C-alpha atoms as a PDB file:
ATOM      1  CA  UNK A   1      -0.070  -0.066  -0.079  1.00  0.00           C
ATOM      2  CA  UNK A   2       1.496   3.394  -1.013  1.00  0.00           C
ATOM      3  CA  UNK A   3       0.957   6.183   1.413  1.00  0.00           C
ATOM      4  CA  UNK A   4      -1.269   9.221   0.473  1.00  0.00           C
ATOM      5  CA  UNK A   5       0.305  12.634   0.111  1.00  0.00           C
ATOM      6  CA  UNK A   6      -1.908  13.638   3.190  1.00  0.00           C
ATOM      7  CA  UNK A   7      -0.484  10.688   5.198  1.00  0.00           C
ATOM      8  CA  UNK A   8       2.920  11.774   3.942  1.00  0.00           C
ATOM      9  CA  UNK A   9       2.595  15.124   5.181  1.00  0.00           C
ATOM     10  CA  UNK A  10       1.381  14.246   8.672  1.00  0.00           C
ATOM     11  CA  UNK A  11       4.304  11.824   8.972  1.00  0.00           C
ATOM     12  CA  UNK A  12       6.982  14.061  10.565  1.00  0.00           C
ATOM     13  CA  UNK A  13       4.442  16.356  12.984  1.00  0.00           C
ATOM     14  CA  UNK A  14       3.322  13.142  14.423  1.00  0.00           C
ATOM     15  CA  UNK A  15       6.881  11.813  15.043  1.00  0.00           C
ATOM     16  CA  UNK A  16       7.452  14.878  16.740  1.00  0.00           C
ATOM     17  CA  UNK A  17       4.182  14.583  18.843  1.00  0.00           C
ATOM     18  CA  UNK A  18       5.033  11.097  19.926  1.00  0.00           C
ATOM     19  CA  UNK A  19       8.471  12.374  20.608  1.00  0.00           C
ATOM     20  CA  UNK A  20       6.990  15.044  23.059  1.00  0.00           C
ATOM     21  CA  UNK A  21       4.767  12.473  24.543  1.00  0.00           C
ATOM     22  CA  UNK A  22       7.517  10.153  25.181  1.00  0.00           C
ATOM     23  CA  UNK A  23       9.535  13.045  26.930  1.00  0.00           C
ATOM     24  CA  UNK A  24       6.732  14.056  29.147  1.00  0.00           C
ATOM     25  CA  UNK A  25       6.009  10.473  30.182  1.00  0.00           C
ATOM     26  CA  UNK A  26       9.447   9.386  31.101  1.00  0.00           C
ATOM     27  CA  UNK A  27      10.748   9.635  34.631  1.00  0.00           C
ATOM     28  CA  UNK A  28      13.603  11.433  35.716  1.00  0.00           C
ATOM     29  CA  UNK A  29      14.260  13.482  32.497  1.00  0.00           C
ATOM     30  CA  UNK A  30      16.629  16.047  34.087  1.00  0.00           C
ATOM     31  CA  UNK A  31      20.125  15.645  34.054  1.00  0.00           C
ATOM     32  CA  UNK A  32      22.753  16.987  36.742  1.00  0.00           C
ATOM     33  CA  UNK A  33      26.478  16.451  35.677  1.00  0.00           C
ATOM     34  CA  UNK A  34      27.617  17.115  38.844  1.00  0.00           C
ATOM     35  CA  UNK A  35      25.981  13.930  40.013  1.00  0.00           C
ATOM     36  CA  UNK A  36      26.024  11.661  37.204  1.00  0.00           C
ATOM     37  CA  UNK A  37      27.927   8.412  37.277  1.00  0.00           C
ATOM     38  CA  UNK A  38      27.437   7.480  33.521  1.00  0.00           C
ATOM     39  CA  UNK A  39      29.894   5.484  31.563  1.00  0.00           C
ATOM     40  CA  UNK A  40      30.025   6.558  28.069  1.00  0.00           C
ATOM     41  CA  UNK A  41      31.426   4.548  25.415  1.00  0.00           C
ATOM     42  CA  UNK A  42      32.402   6.226  22.434  1.00  0.00           C
ATOM     43  CA  UNK A  43      34.053   5.259  19.326  1.00  0.00           C
ATOM     44  CA  UNK A  44      37.047   7.141  17.884  1.00  0.00           C
ATOM     45  CA  UNK A  45      40.311   6.637  15.928  1.00  0.00           C
ATOM     46  CA  UNK A  46      43.324   7.714  17.437  1.00  0.00           C
ATOM     47  CA  UNK A  47      42.852  11.016  15.042  1.00  0.00           C
ATOM     48  CA  UNK A  48      39.449  11.630  16.114  1.00  0.00           C
ATOM     49  CA  UNK A  49      40.694  11.204  20.172  1.00  0.00           C
ATOM     50  CA  UNK A  50      43.420  13.479  19.466  1.00  0.00           C
ATOM     51  CA  UNK A  51      41.464  16.283  17.616  1.00  0.00           C
ATOM     52  CA  UNK A  52      37.989  16.034  18.969  1.00  0.00           C
ATOM     53  CA  UNK A  53      38.090  14.104  22.543  1.00  0.00           C
ATOM     54  CA  UNK A  54      41.098  15.543  24.150  1.00  0.00           C
ATOM     55  CA  UNK A  55      39.607  19.244  23.810  1.00  0.00           C
ATOM     56  CA  UNK A  56      36.790  18.275  25.674  1.00  0.00           C
ATOM     57  CA  UNK A  57      38.153  16.017  28.379  1.00  0.00           C
ATOM     58  CA  UNK A  58      39.194  18.851  30.795  1.00  0.00           C
ATOM     59  CA  UNK A  59      35.466  20.280  30.871  1.00  0.00           C
ATOM     60  CA  UNK A  60      34.079  16.800  31.017  1.00  0.00           C
ATOM     61  CA  UNK A  61      35.914  15.915  34.070  1.00  0.00           C
ATOM     62  CA  UNK A  62      35.557  19.279  36.086  1.00  0.00           C
ATOM     63  CA  UNK A  63      31.466  19.211  35.087  1.00  0.00           C
ATOM     64  CA  UNK A  64      30.901  15.151  35.398  1.00  0.00           C
ATOM     65  CA  UNK A  65      33.714  14.221  37.843  1.00  0.00           C
ATOM     66  CA  UNK A  66      31.847  10.857  38.322  1.00  0.00           C
ATOM     67  CA  UNK A  67      31.420   9.899  34.926  1.00  0.00           C
ATOM     68  CA  UNK A  68      33.668   7.641  33.005  1.00  0.00           C
ATOM     69  CA  UNK A  69      34.767   7.638  29.274  1.00  0.00           C
ATOM     70  CA  UNK A  70      35.542   4.567  27.453  1.00  0.00           C
ATOM     71  CA  UNK A  71      37.290   5.197  23.724  1.00  0.00           C
ATOM     72  CA  UNK A  72      36.791   2.164  21.618  1.00  0.00           C
ATOM     73  CA  UNK A  73      38.322   1.449  17.813  1.00  0.00           C
ATOM     74  CA  UNK A  74      35.575   0.321  15.700  1.00  0.00           C
ATOM     75  CA  UNK A  75      35.248  -0.782  12.234  1.00  0.00           C
ATOM     76  CA  UNK A  76      32.504   1.393  10.457  1.00  0.00           C
ATOM     77  CA  UNK A  77      30.955  -1.519   9.075  1.00  0.00           C
ATOM     78  CA  UNK A  78      29.721  -2.160  12.960  1.00  0.00           C
ATOM     79  CA  UNK A  79      28.885   1.271  14.151  1.00  0.00           C
ATOM     80  CA  UNK A  80      25.306   1.448  13.570  1.00  0.00           C
ATOM     81  CA  UNK A  81      24.625  -1.989  15.150  1.00  0.00           C
ATOM     82  CA  UNK A  82      26.747  -1.059  18.236  1.00  0.00           C
ATOM     83  CA  UNK A  83      25.225   2.187  18.657  1.00  0.00           C
ATOM     84  CA  UNK A  84      21.507   0.791  18.207  1.00  0.00           C
ATOM     85  CA  UNK A  85      22.334  -2.265  20.675  1.00  0.00           C
ATOM     86  CA  UNK A  86      23.615  -0.188  23.348  1.00  0.00           C
ATOM     87  CA  UNK A  87      27.513  -1.104  23.045  1.00  0.00           C
ATOM     88  CA  UNK A  88      28.062   2.284  21.885  1.00  0.00           C
ATOM     89  CA  UNK A  89      26.518   5.443  22.792  1.00  0.00           C
ATOM     90  CA  UNK A  90      28.372   7.842  20.353  1.00  0.00           C
ATOM     91  CA  UNK A  91      30.824   7.606  17.593  1.00  0.00           C
ATOM     92  CA  UNK A  92      33.017  10.033  15.896  1.00  0.00           C
ATOM     93  CA  UNK A  93      33.665   9.366  12.008  1.00  0.00           C
ATOM     94  CA  UNK A  94      34.205  10.746   8.628  1.00  0.00           C
ATOM     95  CA  UNK A  95      30.955  11.613   6.555  1.00  0.00           C
ATOM     96  CA  UNK A  96      32.340   9.247   3.757  1.00  0.00           C
ATOM     97  CA  UNK A  97      31.966   6.329   5.817  1.00  0.00           C
ATOM     98  CA  UNK A  98      29.241   7.149   8.167  1.00  0.00           C
ATOM     99  CA  UNK A  99      26.246   4.659   8.417  1.00  0.00           C
ATOM    100  CA  UNK A 100      23.137   6.810   6.770  1.00  0.00           C
ATOM    101  CA  UNK A 101      20.334   5.856   9.361  1.00  0.00           C
ATOM    102  CA  UNK A 102      22.211   7.102  12.234  1.00  0.00           C
ATOM    103  CA  UNK A 103      21.669  11.009  13.741  1.00  0.00           C
ATOM    104  CA  UNK A 104      24.527  13.200  12.804  1.00  0.00           C
ATOM    105  CA  UNK A 105      26.201  16.572  13.627  1.00  0.00           C
ATOM    106  CA  UNK A 106      29.039  17.918  11.476  1.00  0.00           C
ATOM    107  CA  UNK A 107      31.965  18.913  13.818  1.00  0.00           C
ATOM    108  CA  UNK A 108      34.950  19.972  11.623  1.00  0.00           C
ATOM    109  CA  UNK A 109      35.946  20.042   8.044  1.00  0.00           C
ATOM    110  CA  UNK A 110      39.465  19.013   7.987  1.00  0.00           C
ATOM    111  CA  UNK A 111      42.371  19.870   5.599  1.00  0.00           C
ATOM    112  CA  UNK A 112      45.932  18.223   5.039  1.00  0.00           C
ATOM    113  CA  UNK A 113      49.161  20.311   5.569  1.00  0.00           C
ATOM    114  CA  UNK A 114      53.039  19.080   5.170  1.00  0.00           C
ATOM    115  CA  UNK A 115      54.897  18.867   8.357  1.00  0.00           C
ATOM    116  CA  UNK A 116      58.452  18.345   9.441  1.00  0.00           C
ATOM    117  CA  UNK A 117      60.530  18.737  12.626  1.00  0.00           C
ATOM    118  CA  UNK A 118      61.259  22.428  13.131  1.00  0.00           C
ATOM    119  CA  UNK A 119      65.089  22.092  12.317  1.00  0.00           C
ATOM    120  CA  UNK A 120      64.510  19.881   8.992  1.00  0.00           C
ATOM    121  CA  UNK A 121      67.589  20.733   6.859  1.00  0.00           C
ATOM    122  CA  UNK A 122      65.543  20.362   3.372  1.00  0.00           C
ATOM    123  CA  UNK A 123      61.939  21.777   4.752  1.00  0.00           C
ATOM    124  CA  UNK A 124      62.246  25.195   2.894  1.00  0.00           C
ATOM    125  CA  UNK A 125      59.471  27.431   2.584  1.00  0.00           C
ATOM    126  CA  UNK A 126      57.752  26.559   0.079  1.00  0.00           C
ATOM    127  CA  UNK A 127      58.566  23.097  -0.712  1.00  0.00           C
ATOM    128  CA  UNK A 128      58.349  22.780  -4.576  1.00  0.00           C
ATOM    129  CA  UNK A 129      56.358  19.768  -6.233  1.00  0.00           C
ATOM    130  CA  UNK A 130      59.846  18.292  -7.329  1.00  0.00           C
ATOM    131  CA  UNK A 131      61.194  18.447  -3.912  1.00  0.00           C
ATOM    132  CA  UNK A 132      58.061  17.270  -2.319  1.00  0.00           C
ATOM    133  CA  UNK A 133      58.480  14.182  -4.536  1.00  0.00           C
ATOM    134  CA  UNK A 134      62.357  13.467  -3.560  1.00  0.00           C
ATOM    135  CA  UNK A 135      61.837  14.091   0.339  1.00  0.00           C
ATOM    136  CA  UNK A 136      61.504  10.874   2.330  1.00  0.00           C
ATOM    137  CA  UNK A 137      57.786  10.643   3.565  1.00  0.00           C
ATOM    138  CA  UNK A 138      55.963   8.749   6.278  1.00  0.00           C
ATOM    139  CA  UNK A 139      52.313   7.837   6.165  1.00  0.00           C
ATOM    140  CA  UNK A 140      49.329   6.419   8.430  1.00  0.00           C
ATOM    141  CA  UNK A 141      47.981   2.996   6.840  1.00  0.00           C
ATOM    142  CA  UNK A 142      44.863   2.211   9.162  1.00  0.00           C
ATOM    143  CA  UNK A 143      45.121  -1.572   8.071  1.00  0.00           C
ATOM    144  CA  UNK A 144      48.974  -1.911   8.874  1.00  0.00           C
ATOM    145  CA  UNK A 145      51.613  -2.157   6.052  1.00  0.00           C
ATOM    146  CA  UNK A 146      50.025   0.381   3.453  1.00  0.00           C
ATOM    147  CA  UNK A 147      52.625   2.679   1.519  1.00  0.00           C
ATOM    148  CA  UNK A 148      50.166   4.832  -0.575  1.00  0.00           C
ATOM    149  CA  UNK A 149      47.197   6.872   0.181  1.00  0.00           C
ATOM    150  CA  UNK A 150      45.212   9.810  -1.125  1.00  0.00           C
ATOM    151  CA  UNK A 151      48.244  12.108  -1.729  1.00  0.00           C
ATOM    152  CA  UNK A 152      49.576   9.328  -3.947  1.00  0.00           C
ATOM    153  CA  UNK A 153      46.411   9.108  -6.160  1.00  0.00           C
ATOM    154  CA  UNK A 154      46.815  12.898  -6.595  1.00  0.00           C
ATOM    155  CA  UNK A 155      50.628  12.431  -7.707  1.00  0.00           C
ATOM    156  CA  UNK A 156      49.635   9.644  -9.806  1.00  0.00           C
ATOM    157  CA  UNK A 157      47.209  11.845 -11.764  1.00  0.00           C
ATOM    158  CA  UNK A 158      50.334  14.024 -12.348  1.00  0.00           C
ATOM    159  CA  UNK A 159      52.294  11.245 -13.688  1.00  0.00           C
ATOM    160  CA  UNK A 160      54.319  11.538 -10.490  1.00  0.00           C
ATOM    161  CA  UNK A 161      55.369   9.508  -7.394  1.00  0.00           C
ATOM    162  CA  UNK A 162      57.009  10.250  -4.110  1.00  0.00           C
ATOM    163  CA  UNK A 163      59.300   8.384  -1.615  1.00  0.00           C
ATOM    164  CA  UNK A 164      57.436   6.911   1.223  1.00  0.00           C
ATOM    165  CA  UNK A 165      59.962   5.045   3.595  1.00  0.00           C
ATOM    166  CA  UNK A 166      57.785   4.678   6.480  1.00  0.00           C
ATOM    167  CA  UNK A 167      54.065   3.266   7.315  1.00  0.00           C
ATOM    168  CA  UNK A 168      52.605   3.600  10.983  1.00  0.00           C
ATOM    169  CA  UNK A 169      49.237   2.418  12.112  1.00  0.00           C
ATOM    170  CA  UNK A 170      48.363   5.387  13.717  1.00  0.00           C
ATOM    171  CA  UNK A 171      48.781   9.188  13.069  1.00  0.00           C
ATOM    172  CA  UNK A 172      50.045   9.528  16.742  1.00  0.00           C
ATOM    173  CA  UNK A 173      53.130   7.549  15.917  1.00  0.00           C
ATOM    174  CA  UNK A 174      53.425   9.391  12.590  1.00  0.00           C
ATOM    175  CA  UNK A 175      53.756  12.502  14.201  1.00  0.00           C
ATOM    176  CA  UNK A 176      56.368  11.231  16.883  1.00  0.00           C
ATOM    177  CA  UNK A 177      58.277   9.752  13.761  1.00  0.00           C
ATOM    178  CA  UNK A 178      58.583  12.930  12.394  1.00  0.00           C
ATOM    179  CA  UNK A 179      60.091  14.638  15.592  1.00  0.00           C
ATOM    180  CA  UNK A 180      63.065  12.413  15.917  1.00  0.00           C
ATOM    181  CA  UNK A 181      63.941  11.946  12.201  1.00  0.00           C
ATOM    182  CA  UNK A 182      63.961  13.808   8.615  1.00  0.00           C
ATOM    183  CA  UNK A 183      60.932  12.455   7.409  1.00  0.00           C
ATOM    184  CA  UNK A 184      58.068  14.645   6.405  1.00  0.00           C
ATOM    185  CA  UNK A 185      54.472  13.650   6.273  1.00  0.00           C
ATOM    186  CA  UNK A 186      51.096  14.966   4.655  1.00  0.00           C
ATOM    187  CA  UNK A 187      48.852  15.009   8.006  1.00  0.00           C
ATOM    188  CA  UNK A 188      45.543  16.577   9.154  1.00  0.00           C
ATOM    189  CA  UNK A 189      46.162  20.087  10.825  1.00  0.00           C
ATOM    190  CA  UNK A 190      44.669  19.622  13.626  1.00  0.00           C
ATOM    191  CA  UNK A 191      47.045  16.969  14.724  1.00  0.00           C
ATOM    192  CA  UNK A 192      50.142  19.315  14.304  1.00  0.00           C
ATOM    193  CA  UNK A 193      48.845  22.807  15.301  1.00  0.00           C
ATOM    194  CA  UNK A 194      50.009  22.663  18.676  1.00  0.00           C
ATOM    195  CA  UNK A 195      53.266  20.872  18.121  1.00  0.00           C
ATOM    196  CA  UNK A 196      56.114  23.021  18.991  1.00  0.00           C
ATOM    197  CA  UNK A 197      58.639  20.733  17.499  1.00  0.00           C
ATOM    198  CA  UNK A 198      57.090  20.761  14.143  1.00  0.00           C
ATOM    199  CA  UNK A 199      56.608  23.086  11.320  1.00  0.00           C
ATOM    200  CA  UNK A 200      53.792  22.993   8.401  1.00  0.00           C
ATOM    201  CA  UNK A 201      53.194  24.547   5.509  1.00  0.00           C
ATOM    202  CA  UNK A 202      51.008  23.917   2.495  1.00  0.00           C
ATOM    203  CA  UNK A 203      51.422  20.885   0.215  1.00  0.00           C
ATOM    204  CA  UNK A 204      52.499  21.678  -3.101  1.00  0.00           C
ATOM    205  CA  UNK A 205      49.746  19.833  -4.814  1.00  0.00           C
ATOM    206  CA  UNK A 206      45.577  19.947  -4.030  1.00  0.00           C
ATOM    207  CA  UNK A 207      44.651  16.978  -1.355  1.00  0.00           C
ATOM    208  CA  UNK A 208      41.173  16.731  -0.144  1.00  0.00           C
ATOM    209  CA  UNK A 209      40.188  16.947   3.242  1.00  0.00           C
ATOM    210  CA  UNK A 210      37.490  15.549   5.009  1.00  0.00           C
ATOM    211  CA  UNK A 211      34.747  15.839   7.365  1.00  0.00           C
ATOM    212  CA  UNK A 212      34.125  14.619  10.958  1.00  0.00           C
ATOM    213  CA  UNK A 213      30.933  13.546  12.394  1.00  0.00           C
ATOM    214  CA  UNK A 214      29.255  12.865  15.704  1.00  0.00           C
ATOM    215  CA  UNK A 215      27.048  10.004  15.061  1.00  0.00           C
ATOM    216  CA  UNK A 216      24.478   8.756  17.631  1.00  0.00           C
ATOM    217  CA  UNK A 217      21.280   6.531  17.507  1.00  0.00           C
ATOM    218  CA  UNK A 218      17.763   7.366  17.649  1.00  0.00           C
ATOM    219  CA  UNK A 219      16.825   5.683  20.924  1.00  0.00           C
ATOM    220  CA  UNK A 220      19.140   8.334  22.559  1.00  0.00           C
ATOM    221  CA  UNK A 221      18.317  11.311  20.548  1.00  0.00           C
ATOM    222  CA  UNK A 222      16.445  13.070  23.327  1.00  0.00           C
ATOM    223  CA  UNK A 223      17.991  11.624  26.435  1.00  0.00           C
ATOM    224  CA  UNK A 224      19.034  14.478  28.262  1.00  0.00           C
ATOM    225  CA  UNK A 225      22.442  13.074  29.512  1.00  0.00           C
ATOM    226  CA  UNK A 226      23.365  12.074  25.907  1.00  0.00           C
ATOM    227  CA  UNK A 227      22.302  15.689  24.558  1.00  0.00           C
ATOM    228  CA  UNK A 228      24.547  17.306  27.629  1.00  0.00           C
ATOM    229  CA  UNK A 229      27.497  15.151  26.319  1.00  0.00           C
ATOM    230  CA  UNK A 230      27.202  15.883  22.575  1.00  0.00           C
ATOM    231  CA  UNK A 231      26.947  19.836  23.354  1.00  0.00           C
ATOM    232  CA  UNK A 232      29.701  19.530  25.764  1.00  0.00           C
ATOM    233  CA  UNK A 233      31.963  17.893  22.735  1.00  0.00           C
ATOM    234  CA  UNK A 234      30.885  20.046  20.155  1.00  0.00           C
ATOM    235  CA  UNK A 235      31.339  23.313  21.920  1.00  0.00           C
ATOM    236  CA  UNK A 236      34.961  22.287  22.933  1.00  0.00           C
ATOM    237  CA  UNK A 237      36.148  22.034  19.505  1.00  0.00           C
ATOM    238  CA  UNK A 238      37.450  25.405  17.865  1.00  0.00           C
END
């Protein structure tokens, strides 16, 4: 049976009315972070942890000292099921792999920069495309062992390639490698903007960035504690 046009018009107002009724009937809907004892389970990569979780951690601890935060590394394929079943409360992920049926909020649009240690002998400003290809690079390989990424695809489109000599499974270890070597890396800006031992510049070619989303299930959309957590995290990101 196909819904009539009138039924389609009534669907959203009815959903909102039912949600309002649910909120009115459920007891204990107020949330006091100072008295809370929640354990929040959040799926986040090491990038999301550094760029999105750490900025809110201080405020979370001071506002809700009785709560706990569990950070988990989850495959995007399982995010929706884990959120809907209660195994997760929140997920931070890129838009391109976000499950479509989850609630979402855009947090940041990230861009890539070229980074190296501050006294790197060959990191002149600006690095030419030719010199960029000659430098020794480090890359992050999420699944481990990969030596190519979006930067290499952009270079290949111009008939070029670079020297990738280190593959690391996490951005955190990649940044540490830059500090103690003459390697360079194309990394998300937020990972290195507060690193005093590193310098950055624009890459000599166009590399597409990415958008980070906050994801949660419908069952928690109007939960006062969850709403508070989402707002706290969003406001902490500059």
